[in-house]
């Protein structure tokens, strides 16, 4: 193994510089800490988790309970990727239960990416340096708090598979090719982006420890051949799966439906998704010491870098800057690349491998404080959110089996402060959007926003329920029922708003202990308050209510 530089003091063989670094205990404590959080908090403030939980419950056997045989169907031909947790729910869910499986998957989504990066680092550098503790901080990022469970697990799988790939690269090329086919098949089924991540890593590993290969024509030709074989193995399985079940995510009749991070500020914010959780300033402060460790090590000349992975990280950084934010009905595409880049960047460097015992102790103290301080911050927010989850569970007890529930929210004008920090992440993205989907397992009721996207989920909605369902949906402000301009805009892509009074039985309002920016606390006529639990309120819809006189609240927008 080559290295960027070696400090002169390391060459004298001094015993003072032989301080032993071992990250194993800290890693084990972190894993136990995360396991404790997952056990203590059934529904943490992780955006998509409640929606995934409801789907896991259905696929684990809940779809056979009333009224769901007439509401949902399972068709595995709808997609060939992004179905890892769905397959586990269908196969393992009936044996272990939906709740245990969902918690286990959440746990894996948190710990697998940093543990995979640590495994790759140990394979490359042959050490258990304290820098590996710092990698645990990447268990917390925007895609994790966003609840991208398949994606997160896929990242961890890609890193562990890359470790195996690295060990096989100097052996039988046929065995290596067969391994890559198997690994790519599993990654494609889990999540298509995890396949792309694996491709980036193995191309970086095939490159070299140093850039010397670029100075030799023969070396370049050998590198081109290795990369061609690697990419060939990575392309065959997804192509074969696509031919068998040609269902891709789509945006309906809206074409590619592209949305971009078109500006320097948006691009910088997007890059911060690699570390951002509930309050970005807190995340930056807690991650800054880890960045300073690398910069200080580089100045001291005590840092080793894998050149090939540096190229891979640079490519991922470029994709993070130029990729669209939304496309083909899939949101936050650009979030995926910063965390990939960060995982590779931390795995490719080994700073401060040569330290005195006192310096090693200081390094261990800094990285442990940064990692466990940040994890404690996450735990605080998870604890804070439990009263909101309890409020939703309270009101759902009043919903009868087979009812149709329309979920809405109070959308406040401003957010901030520690009191409600768990309700938002990554610059005002709500974490509670999908809590109303818990009506599916808890009340056996229908909610129109359960994930059923063709090309991403095997679950589909049967008629006539499909007329008031969307494949992916977020919460809208209660103002949409009172403001004509809002209704005109949103009912084009949320068909469940049309004749909402005739098609739904209840309205579930979350974030109800705040004031909506458009209508305050005003509600449409013909609703009866059934339960007020603070954060969540349940209203019964009077289907026989007379038509309301047109009275537009003063706060309603005139156009959107």
Protein backbone atom coordinates (compact mmCIF):
# COMPACT_ATOMS: atom_id res chain seq x y z
CA UNK A 1 0.00 0.00 0.00
CA UNK A 2 1.23 3.46 -0.88
CA UNK A 3 0.44 6.64 0.96
CA UNK A 4 0.33 10.33 0.23
CA UNK A 5 3.02 11.07 2.77
CA UNK A 6 4.65 9.75 5.90
CA UNK A 7 5.75 12.10 8.68
CA UNK A 8 9.46 12.12 9.23
CA UNK A 9 9.05 11.26 12.88
CA UNK A 10 7.37 8.00 11.90
CA UNK A 11 10.50 6.76 10.22
CA UNK A 12 12.68 6.70 13.31
CA UNK A 13 10.85 3.73 14.79
CA UNK A 14 10.29 5.55 18.09
CA UNK A 15 8.20 3.60 20.59
CA UNK A 16 6.39 6.81 21.45
CA UNK A 17 4.79 6.73 18.02
CA UNK A 18 3.57 3.14 18.35
CA UNK A 19 0.35 4.05 20.19
CA UNK A 20 -2.20 1.31 19.54
CA UNK A 21 -5.52 2.47 18.14
CA UNK A 22 -8.57 0.21 18.40
CA UNK A 23 -12.03 1.41 17.46
CA UNK A 24 -13.85 -1.87 18.20
CA UNK A 25 -15.30 -1.00 21.61
CA UNK A 26 -16.64 2.38 20.47
CA UNK A 27 -18.23 0.77 17.39
CA UNK A 28 -19.92 -1.88 19.55
CA UNK A 29 -21.22 0.79 21.94
CA UNK A 30 -22.62 2.80 19.02
CA UNK A 31 -24.41 -0.24 17.61
CA UNK A 32 -25.87 -0.99 21.05
CA UNK A 33 -26.92 2.67 21.45
CA UNK A 34 -28.76 2.61 18.12
CA UNK A 35 -30.41 -0.70 19.00
CA UNK A 36 -31.62 0.83 22.27
CA UNK A 37 -33.09 3.84 20.44
CA UNK A 38 -34.92 1.59 17.99
CA UNK A 39 -36.30 -0.55 20.83
CA UNK A 40 -37.40 2.42 22.94
CA UNK A 41 -39.09 4.46 20.21
CA UNK A 42 -41.52 2.54 18.05
CA UNK A 43 -42.15 5.34 15.57
CA UNK A 44 -39.24 7.79 15.54
CA UNK A 45 -39.43 11.06 13.59
CA UNK A 46 -38.17 9.43 10.37
CA UNK A 47 -40.25 10.69 7.45
CA UNK A 48 -41.12 7.60 5.37
CA UNK A 49 -40.87 5.05 8.18
CA UNK A 50 -44.55 5.05 9.18
CA UNK A 51 -45.57 4.57 5.55
CA UNK A 52 -43.10 1.71 5.14
CA UNK A 53 -44.38 0.23 8.41
CA UNK A 54 -47.96 0.21 7.13
CA UNK A 55 -46.89 -1.52 3.90
CA UNK A 56 -44.76 -4.03 5.81
CA UNK A 57 -47.78 -4.80 7.99
CA UNK A 58 -49.97 -5.42 4.94
CA UNK A 59 -47.39 -7.65 3.23
CA UNK A 60 -46.77 -9.55 6.47
CA UNK A 61 -50.38 -10.75 6.49
CA UNK A 62 -52.46 -7.68 7.26
CA UNK A 63 -53.75 -7.57 3.68
CA UNK A 64 -55.89 -10.59 4.54
CA UNK A 65 -57.76 -8.70 7.29
CA UNK A 66 -60.88 -6.70 6.60
CA UNK A 67 -61.38 -4.49 4.68
CA UNK A 68 -58.07 -4.84 2.85
CA UNK A 69 -58.79 -7.81 0.54
CA UNK A 70 -61.11 -5.41 -1.33
CA UNK A 71 -58.65 -2.49 -1.14
CA UNK A 72 -55.17 -3.77 -2.02
CA UNK A 73 -53.50 -6.39 -4.20
CA UNK A 74 -49.90 -7.59 -4.43
CA UNK A 75 -48.28 -7.83 -7.86
CA UNK A 76 -44.54 -8.51 -7.93
CA UNK A 77 -44.40 -7.77 -11.66
CA UNK A 78 -44.93 -4.08 -10.91
CA UNK A 79 -41.24 -3.57 -10.21
CA UNK A 80 -37.84 -5.28 -10.18
CA UNK A 81 -35.97 -2.89 -7.85
CA UNK A 82 -36.54 -1.06 -4.56
CA UNK A 83 -38.34 -4.13 -3.18
CA UNK A 84 -35.85 -5.46 -0.64
CA UNK A 85 -37.93 -4.71 2.44
CA UNK A 86 -41.12 -5.77 0.64
CA UNK A 87 -39.65 -9.21 -0.12
CA UNK A 88 -38.56 -9.57 3.49
CA UNK A 89 -42.01 -8.52 4.68
CA UNK A 90 -43.70 -11.14 2.51
CA UNK A 91 -41.25 -13.94 3.43
CA UNK A 92 -40.20 -13.21 7.00
CA UNK A 93 -42.94 -10.87 8.23
CA UNK A 94 -45.50 -13.61 8.92
CA UNK A 95 -42.91 -15.45 11.06
CA UNK A 96 -41.45 -12.62 13.15
CA UNK A 97 -44.24 -10.04 12.99
CA UNK A 98 -44.39 -6.71 11.20
CA UNK A 99 -43.31 -4.69 14.21
CA UNK A 100 -40.09 -6.65 14.86
CA UNK A 101 -39.22 -6.73 11.18
CA UNK A 102 -39.80 -2.99 10.72
CA UNK A 103 -37.60 -2.16 13.72
CA UNK A 104 -34.87 -4.51 12.49
CA UNK A 105 -34.92 -2.88 9.06
CA UNK A 106 -34.73 0.60 10.58
CA UNK A 107 -31.78 -0.52 12.71
CA UNK A 108 -29.98 -1.90 9.64
CA UNK A 109 -30.68 1.27 7.67
CA UNK A 110 -28.86 3.27 10.36
CA UNK A 111 -25.87 1.07 11.11
CA UNK A 112 -25.07 -0.73 7.83
CA UNK A 113 -23.69 2.28 5.86
CA UNK A 114 -21.10 3.36 8.47
CA UNK A 115 -20.25 -0.24 9.37
CA UNK A 116 -19.71 -0.98 5.68
CA UNK A 117 -17.41 2.03 5.37
CA UNK A 118 -15.48 0.85 8.44
CA UNK A 119 -15.15 -2.66 6.99
CA UNK A 120 -13.80 -1.25 3.72
CA UNK A 121 -11.38 0.99 5.63
CA UNK A 122 -10.06 -1.96 7.65
CA UNK A 123 -9.68 -4.02 4.48
CA UNK A 124 -7.73 -1.24 2.77
CA UNK A 125 -5.52 -0.03 5.61
CA UNK A 126 -5.30 -3.14 7.77
CA UNK A 127 -5.87 -1.21 10.99
CA UNK A 128 -8.54 -0.35 13.57
CA UNK A 129 -7.75 3.34 13.76
CA UNK A 130 -9.81 5.81 15.75
CA UNK A 131 -10.82 7.44 12.47
CA UNK A 132 -13.24 4.53 12.02
CA UNK A 133 -15.21 5.81 15.00
CA UNK A 134 -15.72 9.07 13.13
CA UNK A 135 -17.39 7.16 10.29
CA UNK A 136 -20.24 6.23 12.63
CA UNK A 137 -21.43 9.81 12.39
CA UNK A 138 -22.59 9.09 8.84
CA UNK A 139 -25.29 6.83 10.24
CA UNK A 140 -27.23 10.08 10.58
CA UNK A 141 -27.96 11.97 7.37
CA UNK A 142 -30.91 13.40 5.43
CA UNK A 143 -31.64 10.14 3.59
CA UNK A 144 -31.76 8.31 6.93
CA UNK A 145 -34.07 10.83 8.61
CA UNK A 146 -36.03 10.86 5.36
CA UNK A 147 -36.69 7.16 5.90
CA UNK A 148 -35.13 5.88 2.65
CA UNK A 149 -34.87 2.40 4.18
CA UNK A 150 -34.14 0.37 1.03
CA UNK A 151 -31.59 2.94 -0.11
CA UNK A 152 -29.76 3.06 3.22
CA UNK A 153 -29.57 -0.72 3.57
CA UNK A 154 -28.40 -0.90 -0.04
CA UNK A 155 -25.53 1.51 0.69
CA UNK A 156 -24.30 -0.73 3.50
CA UNK A 157 -24.62 -3.84 1.34
CA UNK A 158 -22.64 -2.18 -1.46
CA UNK A 159 -19.77 -1.34 0.92
CA UNK A 160 -19.62 -4.85 2.40
CA UNK A 161 -19.80 -6.38 -1.06
CA UNK A 162 -16.94 -4.12 -2.13
CA UNK A 163 -14.82 -5.59 0.68
CA UNK A 164 -15.41 -9.07 -0.71
CA UNK A 165 -14.72 -7.77 -4.21
CA UNK A 166 -11.38 -6.35 -3.11
CA UNK A 167 -10.30 -9.70 -1.67
CA UNK A 168 -11.29 -11.50 -4.89
CA UNK A 169 -9.62 -9.10 -7.33
CA UNK A 170 -6.29 -10.97 -7.34
CA UNK A 171 -7.90 -14.41 -7.66
CA UNK A 172 -9.63 -16.29 -10.45
CA UNK A 173 -11.26 -13.70 -12.77
CA UNK A 174 -14.15 -16.11 -13.48
CA UNK A 175 -14.89 -16.36 -9.76
CA UNK A 176 -14.69 -12.57 -9.47
CA UNK A 177 -17.11 -12.11 -12.38
CA UNK A 178 -19.56 -14.65 -10.89
CA UNK A 179 -19.39 -12.89 -7.51
CA UNK A 180 -20.11 -9.55 -9.09
CA UNK A 181 -23.14 -10.94 -10.91
CA UNK A 182 -24.55 -12.26 -7.63
CA UNK A 183 -23.78 -9.05 -5.72
CA UNK A 184 -25.29 -6.86 -8.42
CA UNK A 185 -28.46 -8.98 -8.51
CA UNK A 186 -28.98 -8.52 -4.75
CA UNK A 187 -28.22 -4.80 -4.92
CA UNK A 188 -30.58 -4.24 -7.85
CA UNK A 189 -33.42 -5.90 -5.99
CA UNK A 190 -32.70 -3.83 -2.87
CA UNK A 191 -32.34 -0.43 -4.57
CA UNK A 192 -31.08 0.67 -7.97
CA UNK A 193 -28.97 3.47 -6.46
CA UNK A 194 -27.09 0.97 -4.31
CA UNK A 195 -26.04 -0.73 -7.54
CA UNK A 196 -24.68 2.58 -8.83
CA UNK A 197 -22.82 3.05 -5.55
CA UNK A 198 -21.26 -0.41 -5.81
CA UNK A 199 -20.17 0.34 -9.38
CA UNK A 200 -18.47 3.55 -8.26
CA UNK A 201 -16.64 1.78 -5.43
CA UNK A 202 -15.34 -1.20 -7.39
CA UNK A 203 -14.21 1.06 -10.24
CA UNK A 204 -12.27 3.08 -7.66
CA UNK A 205 -10.78 -0.09 -6.17
CA UNK A 206 -9.80 -1.35 -9.63
CA UNK A 207 -8.04 1.94 -10.35
CA UNK A 208 -5.01 1.92 -8.05
CA UNK A 209 -3.63 3.16 -4.75
CA UNK A 210 -1.74 5.83 -6.68
CA UNK A 211 -2.06 7.79 -9.93
CA UNK A 212 1.03 6.17 -11.45
CA UNK A 213 -1.19 4.07 -13.71
CA UNK A 214 -2.03 7.19 -15.69
CA UNK A 215 1.56 7.58 -16.81
CA UNK A 216 1.78 4.24 -18.58
CA UNK A 217 0.00 3.31 -21.78
CA UNK A 218 0.14 -0.38 -20.89
CA UNK A 219 -1.20 0.39 -17.43
CA UNK A 220 -4.05 2.41 -18.89
CA UNK A 221 -4.97 -0.45 -21.23
CA UNK A 222 -5.01 -2.95 -18.36
CA UNK A 223 -7.11 -0.54 -16.29
CA UNK A 224 -9.57 -0.07 -19.17
CA UNK A 225 -9.92 -3.84 -19.50
CA UNK A 226 -10.56 -4.30 -15.77
CA UNK A 227 -13.13 -1.49 -15.69
CA UNK A 228 -14.90 -2.88 -18.77
CA UNK A 229 -15.22 -6.32 -17.18
CA UNK A 230 -16.43 -4.81 -13.90
CA UNK A 231 -19.05 -2.61 -15.56
CA UNK A 232 -20.16 -5.50 -17.76
CA UNK A 233 -20.89 -7.63 -14.72
CA UNK A 234 -22.80 -4.73 -13.17
CA UNK A 235 -25.03 -4.12 -16.20
CA UNK A 236 -26.19 -7.65 -17.02
CA UNK A 237 -28.43 -8.47 -13.99
CA UNK A 238 -30.48 -5.23 -13.96
CA UNK A 239 -30.92 -5.44 -17.73
CA UNK A 240 -32.17 -9.03 -17.45
CA UNK A 241 -34.57 -8.08 -14.64
CA UNK A 242 -35.87 -5.14 -16.64
CA UNK A 243 -36.63 -7.37 -19.63
CA UNK A 244 -38.56 -9.70 -17.35
CA UNK A 245 -40.66 -7.01 -15.64
CA UNK A 246 -40.43 -3.72 -17.55
CA UNK A 247 -41.92 -1.42 -14.94
CA UNK A 248 -40.08 1.78 -14.15
CA UNK A 249 -41.02 4.68 -11.87
CA UNK A 250 -42.90 7.35 -13.73
CA UNK A 251 -44.50 10.73 -13.25
CA UNK A 252 -47.82 9.95 -14.91
CA UNK A 253 -48.41 12.12 -17.94
CA UNK A 254 -45.81 14.68 -16.90
CA UNK A 255 -42.86 13.22 -18.80
CA UNK A 256 -39.61 13.24 -16.86
CA UNK A 257 -41.01 15.81 -14.39
CA UNK A 258 -37.54 17.23 -13.77
CA UNK A 259 -36.75 19.64 -10.94
CA UNK A 260 -33.21 20.92 -10.42
CA UNK A 261 -31.03 22.42 -7.72
CA UNK A 262 -30.56 25.44 -9.95
CA UNK A 263 -28.34 27.71 -7.91
CA UNK A 264 -25.21 27.72 -5.77
CA UNK A 265 -27.19 27.95 -2.51
CA UNK A 266 -29.42 24.98 -3.42
CA UNK A 267 -26.39 22.94 -4.46
CA UNK A 268 -24.60 23.68 -1.19
CA UNK A 269 -27.73 22.80 0.77
CA UNK A 270 -27.96 19.57 -1.20
CA UNK A 271 -24.36 18.69 -0.32
CA UNK A 272 -25.19 19.22 3.34
CA UNK A 273 -27.73 16.40 3.10
CA UNK A 274 -24.79 14.05 3.83
CA UNK A 275 -24.81 15.23 7.46
CA UNK A 276 -28.09 17.09 7.97
CA UNK A 277 -30.74 15.82 10.39
CA UNK A 278 -33.15 17.93 12.47
CA UNK A 279 -31.40 21.28 12.89
CA UNK A 280 -28.62 21.82 10.31
CA UNK A 281 -26.59 24.18 12.51
CA UNK A 282 -26.34 21.53 15.22
CA UNK A 283 -25.20 18.94 12.68
CA UNK A 284 -22.52 21.20 11.22
CA UNK A 285 -21.14 22.06 14.67
CA UNK A 286 -20.95 18.37 15.64
CA UNK A 287 -19.35 17.25 12.36
CA UNK A 288 -16.86 20.13 12.12
CA UNK A 289 -14.29 18.49 14.46
CA UNK A 290 -14.15 15.46 12.15
CA UNK A 291 -13.41 17.70 9.16
CA UNK A 292 -10.69 19.50 11.13
CA UNK A 293 -9.03 16.18 11.94
CA UNK A 294 -8.50 15.50 8.22
CA UNK A 295 -7.28 19.00 7.42
CA UNK A 296 -4.85 18.97 10.35
CA UNK A 297 -3.57 15.51 9.40
CA UNK A 298 -3.02 16.68 5.82
CA UNK A 299 -0.99 19.67 7.04
CA UNK A 300 1.03 17.39 9.32
CA UNK A 301 1.65 14.96 6.47
CA UNK A 302 0.21 12.08 8.51
CA UNK A 303 -2.52 10.91 6.15
CA UNK A 304 -2.89 8.06 3.70
CA UNK A 305 -5.30 8.22 0.75
CA UNK A 306 -6.50 5.63 -1.75
CA UNK A 307 -6.22 7.40 -5.13
CA UNK A 308 -8.82 5.26 -6.91
CA UNK A 309 -11.46 5.89 -4.26
CA UNK A 310 -10.56 9.59 -4.39
CA UNK A 311 -11.50 9.53 -8.08
CA UNK A 312 -14.75 7.71 -7.22
CA UNK A 313 -15.57 10.25 -4.50
CA UNK A 314 -14.90 13.11 -6.94
CA UNK A 315 -17.29 11.56 -9.46
CA UNK A 316 -19.99 11.19 -6.80
CA UNK A 317 -19.44 14.82 -5.78
CA UNK A 318 -19.96 15.89 -9.37
CA UNK A 319 -23.19 13.87 -9.58
CA UNK A 320 -24.35 15.46 -6.32
CA UNK A 321 -23.96 18.88 -7.92
CA UNK A 322 -25.56 18.18 -11.31
CA UNK A 323 -28.23 15.54 -10.65
CA UNK A 324 -31.91 16.58 -10.59
CA UNK A 325 -33.74 16.98 -7.32
CA UNK A 326 -36.83 15.14 -8.62
CA UNK A 327 -37.40 12.97 -11.70
CA UNK A 328 -39.83 10.28 -12.91
CA UNK A 329 -42.02 10.52 -9.86
CA UNK A 330 -39.04 9.97 -7.54
CA UNK A 331 -38.17 12.67 -5.03
CA UNK A 332 -34.85 13.87 -3.66
CA UNK A 333 -32.67 12.06 -6.18
CA UNK A 334 -29.86 14.55 -5.56
CA UNK A 335 -29.83 13.68 -1.85
CA UNK A 336 -28.50 10.23 -2.66
CA UNK A 337 -25.07 11.25 -3.95
CA UNK A 338 -23.67 13.42 -1.09
CA UNK A 339 -23.97 10.58 1.44
CA UNK A 340 -22.37 8.18 -1.08
CA UNK A 341 -19.54 10.65 -1.57
CA UNK A 342 -19.10 11.13 2.19
CA UNK A 343 -18.95 7.38 2.89
CA UNK A 344 -16.32 6.84 0.19
CA UNK A 345 -14.36 9.92 1.28
CA UNK A 346 -14.13 8.75 4.88
CA UNK A 347 -13.23 5.19 3.87
CA UNK A 348 -10.48 6.30 1.47
CA UNK A 349 -8.39 8.24 4.03
CA UNK A 350 -6.50 7.21 7.14
CA UNK A 351 -5.46 10.30 9.09
CA UNK A 352 -3.16 10.28 12.12
CA UNK A 353 -2.00 6.68 12.02
CA UNK A 354 1.25 7.67 13.81
CA UNK A 355 0.56 9.25 17.18
CA UNK A 356 1.94 9.30 20.68
CA UNK A 357 -0.27 7.80 23.34
CA UNK A 358 -1.35 11.25 24.52
CA UNK A 359 -2.21 12.35 20.97
CA UNK A 360 -4.09 9.11 20.32
CA UNK A 361 -6.09 9.61 23.50
CA UNK A 362 -6.98 13.15 22.42
CA UNK A 363 -8.04 11.91 18.96
CA UNK A 364 -10.23 9.21 20.52
CA UNK A 365 -11.82 11.77 22.85
CA UNK A 366 -12.67 14.15 19.99
CA UNK A 367 -14.22 11.56 17.68
CA UNK A 368 -16.16 9.89 20.50
CA UNK A 369 -17.58 13.20 21.70
CA UNK A 370 -18.57 14.13 18.13
CA UNK A 371 -20.21 10.79 17.34
CA UNK A 372 -21.95 10.06 20.62
CA UNK A 373 -22.91 13.69 21.14
CA UNK A 374 -24.63 13.63 17.75
CA UNK A 375 -26.30 10.28 18.47
CA UNK A 376 -27.57 11.66 21.79
CA UNK A 377 -28.98 14.64 19.88
CA UNK A 378 -30.85 12.20 17.63
CA UNK A 379 -32.11 10.36 20.71
CA UNK A 380 -33.41 13.61 22.19
CA UNK A 381 -35.43 14.32 19.07
CA UNK A 382 -36.77 10.77 18.96
CA UNK A 383 -37.91 11.08 22.57
CA UNK A 384 -39.44 14.48 21.83
CA UNK A 385 -41.52 13.06 18.97
CA UNK A 386 -43.17 10.33 21.02
CA UNK A 387 -45.91 12.59 22.34
CA UNK A 388 -46.86 13.39 18.74
CA UNK A 389 -46.99 9.69 17.88
CA UNK A 390 -49.09 9.05 20.99
CA UNK A 391 -51.52 11.77 19.87
CA UNK A 392 -51.99 10.08 16.48
CA UNK A 393 -52.52 6.69 18.12
CA UNK A 394 -55.09 8.24 20.49
CA UNK A 395 -57.27 9.69 17.75
CA UNK A 396 -57.00 6.55 15.61
CA UNK A 397 -58.76 4.60 18.35
CA UNK A 398 -61.92 6.48 17.38
CA UNK A 399 -61.76 5.43 13.72
CA UNK A 400 -64.00 2.45 12.85
CA UNK A 401 -62.84 -0.45 10.68
CA UNK A 402 -63.23 0.21 6.96
CA UNK A 403 -63.44 4.00 7.25
CA UNK A 404 -61.78 6.31 4.74
CA UNK A 405 -59.50 8.89 6.40
CA UNK A 406 -58.40 12.12 4.70
CA UNK A 407 -55.04 13.27 6.14
CA UNK A 408 -54.22 16.97 6.29
CA UNK A 409 -51.96 19.24 8.33
CA UNK A 410 -51.59 22.67 9.83
CA UNK A 411 -48.76 24.23 7.85
CA UNK A 412 -47.28 27.00 10.03
CA UNK A 413 -45.71 30.12 8.61
CA UNK A 414 -42.48 29.71 10.57
CA UNK A 415 -40.86 26.82 12.37
CA UNK A 416 -37.97 26.67 14.75
CA UNK A 417 -36.87 26.13 18.29
CA UNK A 418 -36.07 23.03 20.29
CA UNK A 419 -39.67 22.47 21.40
CA UNK A 420 -40.66 21.10 17.97
CA UNK A 421 -37.23 20.29 16.51
CA UNK A 422 -38.21 16.66 15.88
CA UNK A 423 -41.02 17.70 13.52
CA UNK A 424 -38.69 19.03 10.83
CA UNK A 425 -35.42 18.08 9.18
CA UNK A 426 -33.19 19.29 6.36
CA UNK A 427 -34.34 22.90 6.16
CA UNK A 428 -38.07 22.51 6.95
CA UNK A 429 -38.97 19.09 5.59
CA UNK A 430 -41.67 17.62 7.85
CA UNK A 431 -40.98 14.30 9.60
CA UNK A 432 -44.67 13.69 10.40
CA UNK A 433 -46.08 13.60 6.86
CA UNK A 434 -46.73 9.87 6.91
CA UNK A 435 -47.94 9.36 10.47
CA UNK A 436 -51.59 9.25 9.26
CA UNK A 437 -50.81 6.05 7.31
CA UNK A 438 -50.70 4.30 10.69
CA UNK A 439 -54.49 4.25 10.32
CA UNK A 440 -53.91 1.20 8.11
CA UNK A 441 -52.46 -1.16 10.75
CA UNK A 442 -54.00 0.48 13.84
CA UNK A 443 -57.56 1.22 12.72
CA UNK A 444 -57.88 -0.98 9.60
CA UNK A 445 -58.86 2.16 7.74
CA UNK A 446 -58.03 3.47 4.26
CA UNK A 447 -55.58 6.35 3.78
CA UNK A 448 -54.99 7.63 0.22
CA UNK A 449 -51.22 8.24 0.58
CA UNK A 450 -49.84 4.74 1.21
CA UNK A 451 -46.84 4.04 -1.04
CA UNK A 452 -48.09 2.07 -4.05
CA UNK A 453 -45.97 3.48 -6.90
CA UNK A 454 -45.60 1.29 -9.97
CA UNK A 455 -41.91 0.60 -10.50
CA UNK A 456 -41.14 0.93 -6.78
CA UNK A 457 -43.68 -1.05 -4.74
CA UNK A 458 -45.51 -4.34 -5.36
CA UNK A 459 -48.67 -3.08 -3.63
CA UNK A 460 -51.49 -1.71 -5.79
CA UNK A 461 -54.88 -0.15 -4.98
CA UNK A 462 -58.04 -1.78 -6.31
CA UNK A 463 -61.03 0.08 -7.69
CA UNK A 464 -63.01 1.99 -6.54
CA UNK A 465 -60.43 2.92 -3.88
CA UNK A 466 -57.87 3.73 -6.57
CA UNK A 467 -60.03 6.71 -7.57
CA UNK A 468 -59.12 8.46 -4.32
CA UNK A 469 -55.53 7.22 -3.92
CA UNK A 470 -52.13 8.51 -5.01
CA UNK A 471 -49.01 6.33 -5.41
CA UNK A 472 -46.95 8.73 -3.31
CA UNK A 473 -48.35 11.63 -1.38
CA UNK A 474 -47.52 14.15 1.28
CA UNK A 475 -49.71 16.15 3.59
CA UNK A 476 -51.49 19.25 2.34
CA UNK A 477 -52.57 22.20 4.43
CA UNK A 478 -56.12 22.21 5.75
CA UNK A 479 -56.41 25.41 3.77
CA UNK A 480 -56.83 23.35 0.59
CA UNK A 481 -60.45 22.68 1.64
CA UNK A 482 -61.18 26.38 2.23
CA UNK A 483 -59.12 28.17 -0.41
CA UNK A 484 -60.39 27.82 -4.03
CA UNK A 485 -57.00 28.68 -5.58
CA UNK A 486 -55.27 25.96 -3.58
CA UNK A 487 -57.94 23.41 -4.42
CA UNK A 488 -57.68 24.22 -8.12
CA UNK A 489 -53.92 23.58 -8.10
CA UNK A 490 -53.73 20.51 -5.89
CA UNK A 491 -56.72 18.50 -7.09
CA UNK A 492 -54.95 18.02 -10.45
CA UNK A 493 -52.49 15.59 -8.84
CA UNK A 494 -54.40 14.62 -5.69
CA UNK A 495 -57.69 13.22 -7.04
CA UNK A 496 -58.85 12.32 -3.56
CA UNK A 497 -59.65 16.01 -2.99
CA UNK A 498 -62.47 15.86 -5.54
CA UNK A 499 -65.71 15.24 -3.66
CA UNK A 500 -63.79 14.80 -0.43
CA UNK A 501 -66.96 15.18 1.60
CA UNK A 502 -68.67 12.34 -0.24
CA UNK A 503 -65.72 9.94 -0.44
CA UNK A 504 -64.16 10.22 3.04
CA UNK A 505 -65.56 9.56 6.51
CA UNK A 506 -63.01 11.37 8.67
CA UNK A 507 -60.38 14.10 8.47
CA UNK A 508 -57.19 13.55 10.46
CA UNK A 509 -55.28 16.78 11.05
CA UNK A 510 -51.69 16.58 12.34
CA UNK A 511 -49.49 19.38 13.61
CA UNK A 512 -52.84 20.67 14.86
CA UNK A 513 -51.38 22.37 17.92
CA UNK A 514 -49.94 25.06 15.64
CA UNK A 515 -51.69 27.67 13.51
CA UNK A 516 -51.98 27.12 9.77
CA UNK A 517 -50.36 29.86 7.69
CA UNK A 518 -53.43 30.20 5.45
CA UNK A 519 -56.52 29.65 7.62
CA UNK A 520 -55.29 29.58 11.20
CA UNK A 521 -57.44 27.06 13.07
CA UNK A 522 -60.51 27.48 10.85
CA UNK A 523 -62.18 24.29 9.58
CA UNK A 524 -64.87 23.74 6.90
CA UNK A 525 -68.49 23.56 7.97
CA UNK A 526 -70.11 20.19 8.43
CA UNK A 527 -67.33 18.66 10.52
CA UNK A 528 -67.67 17.28 14.03
CA UNK A 529 -64.64 17.15 16.32
CA UNK A 530 -64.36 13.55 17.53
CA UNK A 531 -61.03 13.67 19.37
CA UNK A 532 -58.53 16.41 20.17
CA UNK A 533 -55.14 15.03 21.25
CA UNK A 534 -53.21 18.26 20.70
CA UNK A 535 -50.85 17.36 17.88
CA UNK A 536 -53.58 15.31 16.19
CA UNK A 537 -57.28 16.05 15.78
CA UNK A 538 -59.96 13.81 14.29
CA UNK A 539 -63.09 15.20 12.64
CA UNK A 540 -66.13 13.28 11.41
CA UNK A 541 -67.45 14.44 8.03
CA UNK A 542 -71.17 15.12 7.84
CA UNK A 543 -72.03 13.84 4.37
CA UNK A 544 -75.52 15.33 4.55
CA UNK A 545 -74.26 18.83 5.34
CA UNK A 546 -75.79 21.55 3.11
CA UNK A 547 -73.57 23.30 0.61
CA UNK A 548 -71.48 25.97 2.26
CA UNK A 549 -71.81 29.62 1.22
CA UNK A 550 -68.70 30.80 -0.59
CA UNK A 551 -66.64 32.55 2.06
CA UNK A 552 -62.93 32.60 1.38
CA UNK A 553 -60.75 33.17 4.48
CA UNK A 554 -58.61 36.29 4.31
CA UNK A 555 -55.37 34.34 4.50
CA UNK A 556 -56.04 32.24 1.41
CA UNK A 557 -53.63 32.78 -1.48
CA UNK A 558 -55.15 34.09 -4.70
CA UNK A 559 -52.70 32.07 -6.84
CA UNK A 560 -49.95 29.50 -6.34
